[in-house]
């Protein structure tokens, strides 16, 4: 059902456990605030404990980001605009019968968005569909970025999984087909796991051991076994997994990196979840589109935070 997205289900369980009837939105906002506050206190404590001196790394990382954006802005622009152009043209030519070869269409109650359904077009939910370009663009950014980082394998896989998530998000919001929904949810999880593994891979390099091949193998096993029984992505749990991986990396390196990037990424994903919740509860038709945008930005910021840690770059 529409109101059974992960955060609303969790809010309902909290109400049942406490025997209360608190508005779910307030529970979600309070929970998000508590989660952020916990990680903020922990990272600030670690920052004071380790007394970071990372100015050079910050400057170097900023120059790499700027250089990549300047040199490859056309690729990023194309990755954002080409899917929009393709689906816009197809939407003018075909209607939803085009998707019949994909099998069963899910019931409207399962759609977790308040955007009005377009029955006479190829694309059922244009706002949610076109905003998926943010995910594809983020994926291309990671693929480009893998050329300048030491953990290039896990970064490349992060890029591929993020791109594929964007592609299947396009197909899901265009077609509402059950098989596409399952694959879309699978890649929601895979791109979260890939970001966590990109953090964990940096741990190996601190011991002069490249663990990327093992992490890629684990990703393949996870993909195979999870694909057999996934019903809905466990994004909330995996967001916590990402941040626990980040904390583990900080503790291991005795360095917190550029916390502005870390907080920016954390706040972005939480903001996206809030917009998604407002969509589900109060019918804000742009909620899912904003979620796509903020979630994509969050992953880029969190990844770039990891590159401000004292890990040797390929260009050193």
Protein backbone atom coordinates (compact mmCIF):
# COMPACT_ATOMS: atom_id res chain seq x y z
CA UNK A 1 0.00 0.00 0.00
CA UNK A 2 1.05 3.58 -0.61
CA UNK A 3 1.27 4.45 3.07
CA UNK A 4 3.45 1.42 3.80
CA UNK A 5 6.75 2.91 2.70
CA UNK A 6 9.54 1.96 5.05
CA UNK A 7 9.49 5.02 7.30
CA UNK A 8 5.69 4.95 7.69
CA UNK A 9 5.73 1.26 8.54
CA UNK A 10 8.38 1.96 11.20
CA UNK A 11 6.29 4.84 12.61
CA UNK A 12 3.26 2.55 12.85
CA UNK A 13 5.31 -0.06 14.74
CA UNK A 14 6.52 2.61 17.17
CA UNK A 15 2.92 3.69 17.82
CA UNK A 16 1.86 0.07 18.34
CA UNK A 17 4.77 -0.59 20.69
CA UNK A 18 4.13 2.54 22.77
CA UNK A 19 0.36 2.21 22.60
CA UNK A 20 0.11 5.76 21.24
CA UNK A 21 -1.58 7.41 18.28
CA UNK A 22 0.99 10.06 17.36
CA UNK A 23 0.91 11.50 13.85
CA UNK A 24 3.39 9.35 11.85
CA UNK A 25 5.03 12.40 10.28
CA UNK A 26 6.02 13.73 13.73
CA UNK A 27 7.48 10.36 14.69
CA UNK A 28 9.51 10.27 11.48
CA UNK A 29 10.81 13.83 11.92
CA UNK A 30 11.74 13.14 15.54
CA UNK A 31 13.47 9.87 14.61
CA UNK A 32 15.41 11.55 11.80
CA UNK A 33 16.50 14.30 14.19
CA UNK A 34 17.66 11.76 16.79
CA UNK A 35 19.59 9.72 14.22
CA UNK A 36 21.35 12.79 12.87
CA UNK A 37 22.07 14.07 16.38
CA UNK A 38 23.65 10.74 17.39
CA UNK A 39 25.97 10.69 14.40
CA UNK A 40 26.72 14.41 14.81
CA UNK A 41 27.78 13.95 18.44
CA UNK A 42 29.87 10.88 17.58
CA UNK A 43 31.68 12.58 14.70
CA UNK A 44 32.29 15.75 16.71
CA UNK A 45 33.75 13.65 19.51
CA UNK A 46 36.03 11.86 17.06
CA UNK A 47 37.00 15.19 15.51
CA UNK A 48 38.13 16.51 18.90
CA UNK A 49 39.77 13.21 19.79
CA UNK A 50 41.92 13.02 16.67
CA UNK A 51 42.50 16.78 16.17
CA UNK A 52 42.47 16.57 12.38
CA UNK A 53 44.92 18.48 10.25
CA UNK A 54 43.59 17.83 6.77
CA UNK A 55 43.85 21.19 5.04
CA UNK A 56 46.09 19.90 2.24
CA UNK A 57 43.81 16.92 1.58
CA UNK A 58 40.76 19.21 1.49
CA UNK A 59 42.42 21.53 -1.02
CA UNK A 60 43.67 18.64 -3.16
CA UNK A 61 40.29 16.90 -3.15
CA UNK A 62 38.51 20.13 -4.05
CA UNK A 63 40.84 20.64 -7.00
CA UNK A 64 40.21 17.08 -8.23
CA UNK A 65 36.43 17.57 -8.03
CA UNK A 66 36.64 20.92 -9.83
CA UNK A 67 38.90 19.48 -12.53
CA UNK A 68 36.61 16.50 -13.08
CA UNK A 69 33.54 18.68 -13.33
CA UNK A 70 35.26 21.09 -15.75
CA UNK A 71 36.73 18.35 -17.98
CA UNK A 72 33.66 16.13 -18.05
CA UNK A 73 30.73 18.51 -17.62
CA UNK A 74 29.51 17.62 -21.11
CA UNK A 75 29.28 13.93 -20.17
CA UNK A 76 27.38 14.76 -17.00
CA UNK A 77 25.06 17.07 -18.92
CA UNK A 78 24.40 14.42 -21.56
CA UNK A 79 23.79 11.72 -18.95
CA UNK A 80 21.14 13.95 -17.38
CA UNK A 81 19.45 15.23 -20.52
CA UNK A 82 19.58 12.31 -22.98
CA UNK A 83 17.27 10.03 -20.93
CA UNK A 84 14.81 12.91 -20.58
CA UNK A 85 14.92 13.56 -24.34
CA UNK A 86 14.51 9.88 -25.23
CA UNK A 87 11.54 9.31 -22.94
CA UNK A 88 9.98 12.64 -23.92
CA UNK A 89 10.05 11.62 -27.60
CA UNK A 90 8.79 8.12 -26.87
CA UNK A 91 6.01 9.62 -24.76
CA UNK A 92 4.85 11.57 -27.81
CA UNK A 93 4.80 8.46 -30.01
CA UNK A 94 3.58 5.59 -27.82
CA UNK A 95 1.10 4.98 -25.04
CA UNK A 96 1.22 2.63 -22.05
CA UNK A 97 0.39 -0.44 -24.17
CA UNK A 98 4.05 -0.29 -25.24
CA UNK A 99 4.97 -1.84 -21.87
CA UNK A 100 2.67 -4.88 -22.17
CA UNK A 101 5.59 -7.19 -22.96
CA UNK A 102 6.84 -6.64 -19.38
CA UNK A 103 3.85 -8.47 -17.94
CA UNK A 104 1.74 -7.61 -14.91
CA UNK A 105 1.00 -4.00 -13.93
CA UNK A 106 0.90 -3.36 -10.19
CA UNK A 107 -2.22 -2.07 -8.47
CA UNK A 108 -2.39 1.70 -7.99
CA UNK A 109 -2.43 1.29 -4.20
CA UNK A 110 1.17 0.07 -4.32
CA UNK A 111 2.42 3.23 -6.05
CA UNK A 112 4.28 5.28 -3.42
CA UNK A 113 3.63 8.67 -4.99
CA UNK A 114 0.83 11.22 -5.14
CA UNK A 115 1.60 12.33 -8.67
CA UNK A 116 -1.46 12.02 -10.89
CA UNK A 117 -1.30 9.03 -13.20
CA UNK A 118 -1.25 9.78 -16.94
CA UNK A 119 -3.30 6.95 -18.46
CA UNK A 120 -3.07 7.97 -22.10
CA UNK A 121 0.72 8.31 -22.33
CA UNK A 122 3.77 6.07 -22.40
CA UNK A 123 4.92 7.57 -19.08
CA UNK A 124 2.54 7.09 -16.18
CA UNK A 125 4.34 9.49 -13.77
CA UNK A 126 6.43 12.08 -15.68
CA UNK A 127 7.77 14.05 -12.67
CA UNK A 128 9.05 10.92 -10.97
CA UNK A 129 10.35 9.53 -14.25
CA UNK A 130 12.34 12.52 -15.48
CA UNK A 131 13.81 13.21 -12.04
CA UNK A 132 15.45 9.77 -12.23
CA UNK A 133 18.04 11.47 -14.46
CA UNK A 134 19.62 12.74 -11.23
CA UNK A 135 20.51 9.14 -10.37
CA UNK A 136 21.94 8.40 -13.80
CA UNK A 137 23.99 11.60 -13.67
CA UNK A 138 25.37 10.68 -10.23
CA UNK A 139 26.29 7.24 -11.54
CA UNK A 140 28.19 8.70 -14.49
CA UNK A 141 30.00 11.03 -12.07
CA UNK A 142 31.23 8.02 -10.07
CA UNK A 143 32.37 6.25 -13.23
CA UNK A 144 34.36 9.33 -14.23
CA UNK A 145 35.69 9.77 -10.69
CA UNK A 146 37.01 6.19 -10.49
CA UNK A 147 39.94 7.25 -12.68
CA UNK A 148 41.34 9.45 -9.89
CA UNK A 149 40.79 7.36 -6.75
CA UNK A 150 42.71 4.43 -5.31
CA UNK A 151 39.57 2.34 -4.74
CA UNK A 152 38.65 2.54 -8.41
CA UNK A 153 36.98 -0.90 -8.60
CA UNK A 154 34.40 -0.29 -5.89
CA UNK A 155 33.90 3.25 -7.17
CA UNK A 156 33.25 1.94 -10.68
CA UNK A 157 30.71 -0.60 -9.38
CA UNK A 158 29.07 2.18 -7.36
CA UNK A 159 28.73 4.15 -10.59
CA UNK A 160 27.32 1.21 -12.54
CA UNK A 161 24.77 0.33 -9.83
CA UNK A 162 23.71 3.97 -9.46
CA UNK A 163 23.25 4.31 -13.24
CA UNK A 164 21.22 1.10 -13.39
CA UNK A 165 19.11 2.26 -10.47
CA UNK A 166 18.33 5.41 -12.47
CA UNK A 167 17.49 3.40 -15.58
CA UNK A 168 15.12 1.06 -13.74
CA UNK A 169 13.63 4.03 -11.88
CA UNK A 170 12.80 5.47 -15.32
CA UNK A 171 11.22 2.19 -16.36
CA UNK A 172 9.33 1.75 -13.08
CA UNK A 173 7.72 5.18 -13.01
CA UNK A 174 6.96 4.93 -16.72
CA UNK A 175 5.44 1.45 -16.77
CA UNK A 176 4.35 0.44 -13.23
CA UNK A 177 5.27 -3.15 -14.07
CA UNK A 178 5.78 -5.63 -11.24
CA UNK A 179 9.03 -7.09 -12.60
CA UNK A 180 10.55 -3.63 -13.05
CA UNK A 181 9.52 -2.65 -9.52
CA UNK A 182 11.39 -5.65 -8.13
CA UNK A 183 14.56 -4.81 -10.07
CA UNK A 184 14.28 -1.13 -9.13
CA UNK A 185 14.14 -2.03 -5.43
CA UNK A 186 17.09 -4.40 -5.87
CA UNK A 187 19.26 -1.62 -7.28
CA UNK A 188 18.14 0.74 -4.52
CA UNK A 189 19.82 -1.67 -2.13
CA UNK A 190 22.81 -2.40 -4.37
CA UNK A 191 23.85 1.23 -4.80
CA UNK A 192 23.63 1.73 -1.01
CA UNK A 193 25.77 -1.34 -0.42
CA UNK A 194 28.21 -0.19 -3.10
CA UNK A 195 28.72 3.13 -1.31
CA UNK A 196 29.35 1.31 1.98
CA UNK A 197 31.80 -1.03 0.26
CA UNK A 198 33.64 1.92 -1.26
CA UNK A 199 34.24 3.08 2.34
CA UNK A 200 35.21 -0.38 3.56
CA UNK A 201 37.62 -0.81 0.64
CA UNK A 202 39.61 2.17 1.95
CA UNK A 203 40.22 0.23 5.16
CA UNK A 204 42.14 -2.39 3.21
CA UNK A 205 44.48 0.16 1.68
CA UNK A 206 45.48 1.34 5.16
CA UNK A 207 46.92 -2.16 5.70
CA UNK A 208 48.42 -2.34 2.19
CA UNK A 209 45.86 -4.95 1.19
CA UNK A 210 43.39 -4.46 -1.63
CA UNK A 211 40.10 -6.02 -0.55
CA UNK A 212 38.10 -4.69 -3.50
CA UNK A 213 37.92 -8.06 -5.30
CA UNK A 214 36.43 -9.69 -2.20
CA UNK A 215 33.91 -6.87 -1.85
CA UNK A 216 32.88 -7.20 -5.50
CA UNK A 217 32.39 -10.93 -5.00
CA UNK A 218 30.20 -10.28 -1.94
CA UNK A 219 28.18 -7.81 -4.03
CA UNK A 220 27.58 -10.48 -6.69
CA UNK A 221 26.49 -13.04 -4.09
CA UNK A 222 24.20 -10.49 -2.45
CA UNK A 223 22.66 -9.61 -5.83
CA UNK A 224 21.96 -13.27 -6.60
CA UNK A 225 20.41 -14.20 -3.26
CA UNK A 226 18.54 -10.93 -2.66
CA UNK A 227 17.00 -10.96 -6.14
CA UNK A 228 15.17 -14.19 -5.33
CA UNK A 229 13.04 -12.82 -2.49
CA UNK A 230 13.18 -9.01 -2.42
CA UNK A 231 9.80 -7.30 -2.09
CA UNK A 232 10.75 -3.82 -0.93
CA UNK A 233 14.16 -2.21 -0.53
CA UNK A 234 15.40 -1.77 3.03
CA UNK A 235 16.79 1.69 2.36
CA UNK A 236 16.51 2.95 5.95
CA UNK A 237 18.59 0.08 7.33
CA UNK A 238 21.16 0.49 4.56
CA UNK A 239 21.49 4.23 5.22
CA UNK A 240 22.44 3.31 8.79
CA UNK A 241 24.87 0.73 7.37
CA UNK A 242 26.48 3.43 5.23
CA UNK A 243 26.97 5.69 8.22
CA UNK A 244 28.24 2.88 10.43
CA UNK A 245 30.78 2.08 7.71
CA UNK A 246 31.76 5.74 7.67
CA UNK A 247 32.26 5.75 11.45
CA UNK A 248 34.34 2.57 11.24
CA UNK A 249 36.53 4.23 8.62
CA UNK A 250 36.99 7.34 10.78
CA UNK A 251 37.94 5.29 13.83
CA UNK A 252 40.33 3.09 11.89
CA UNK A 253 42.13 6.03 10.26
CA UNK A 254 41.89 8.21 13.37
CA UNK A 255 40.67 10.97 11.10
CA UNK A 256 37.21 12.32 10.29
CA UNK A 257 37.92 13.99 6.96
CA UNK A 258 35.89 16.96 5.78
CA UNK A 259 32.83 16.78 8.01
CA UNK A 260 31.05 19.48 6.00
CA UNK A 261 30.78 17.02 3.11
CA UNK A 262 29.72 14.21 5.44
CA UNK A 263 27.01 16.29 7.12
CA UNK A 264 25.89 17.63 3.75
CA UNK A 265 25.39 14.11 2.45
CA UNK A 266 23.65 12.95 5.63
CA UNK A 267 21.29 15.94 5.66
CA UNK A 268 20.57 15.52 1.93
CA UNK A 269 19.42 11.91 2.24
CA UNK A 270 17.33 12.70 5.33
CA UNK A 271 15.79 15.66 3.50
CA UNK A 272 14.94 13.37 0.60
CA UNK A 273 13.24 10.92 2.97
CA UNK A 274 11.20 13.77 4.47
CA UNK A 275 9.99 14.83 1.01
CA UNK A 276 9.11 11.22 0.21
CA UNK A 277 7.14 11.01 3.47
CA UNK A 278 5.28 14.26 2.74
CA UNK A 279 4.40 12.82 -0.66
CA UNK A 280 2.97 9.65 0.90
CA UNK A 281 1.09 11.32 3.77
CA UNK A 282 0.04 14.74 2.49
CA UNK A 283 -0.04 14.24 -1.28
CA UNK A 284 2.89 16.48 -2.27
CA UNK A 285 3.23 15.50 -5.93
CA UNK A 286 6.86 16.65 -6.19
CA UNK A 287 7.96 14.64 -3.14
CA UNK A 288 9.37 11.64 -4.98
CA UNK A 289 11.09 13.84 -7.57
CA UNK A 290 12.80 15.80 -4.79
CA UNK A 291 13.75 12.52 -3.15
CA UNK A 292 15.53 11.45 -6.33
CA UNK A 293 17.42 14.74 -6.44
CA UNK A 294 18.47 14.89 -2.76
CA UNK A 295 19.36 11.19 -2.57
CA UNK A 296 21.62 11.48 -5.63
CA UNK A 297 23.33 14.55 -4.19
CA UNK A 298 23.76 12.76 -0.85
CA UNK A 299 25.68 9.88 -2.39
CA UNK A 300 28.03 12.20 -4.27
CA UNK A 301 28.74 14.24 -1.13
CA UNK A 302 29.30 11.18 1.05
CA UNK A 303 31.62 9.63 -1.50
CA UNK A 304 33.63 12.83 -1.77
CA UNK A 305 33.84 12.97 2.02
CA UNK A 306 35.59 9.58 1.98
CA UNK A 307 38.17 10.95 -0.45
CA UNK A 308 39.18 13.68 2.03
CA UNK A 309 40.48 11.03 4.41
CA UNK A 310 44.27 10.38 4.46
CA UNK A 311 44.24 7.66 1.82
CA UNK A 312 46.82 7.82 -0.95
CA UNK A 313 45.33 8.88 -4.28
CA UNK A 314 46.29 7.46 -7.63
CA UNK A 315 47.68 10.86 -8.55
CA UNK A 316 50.10 11.13 -5.59
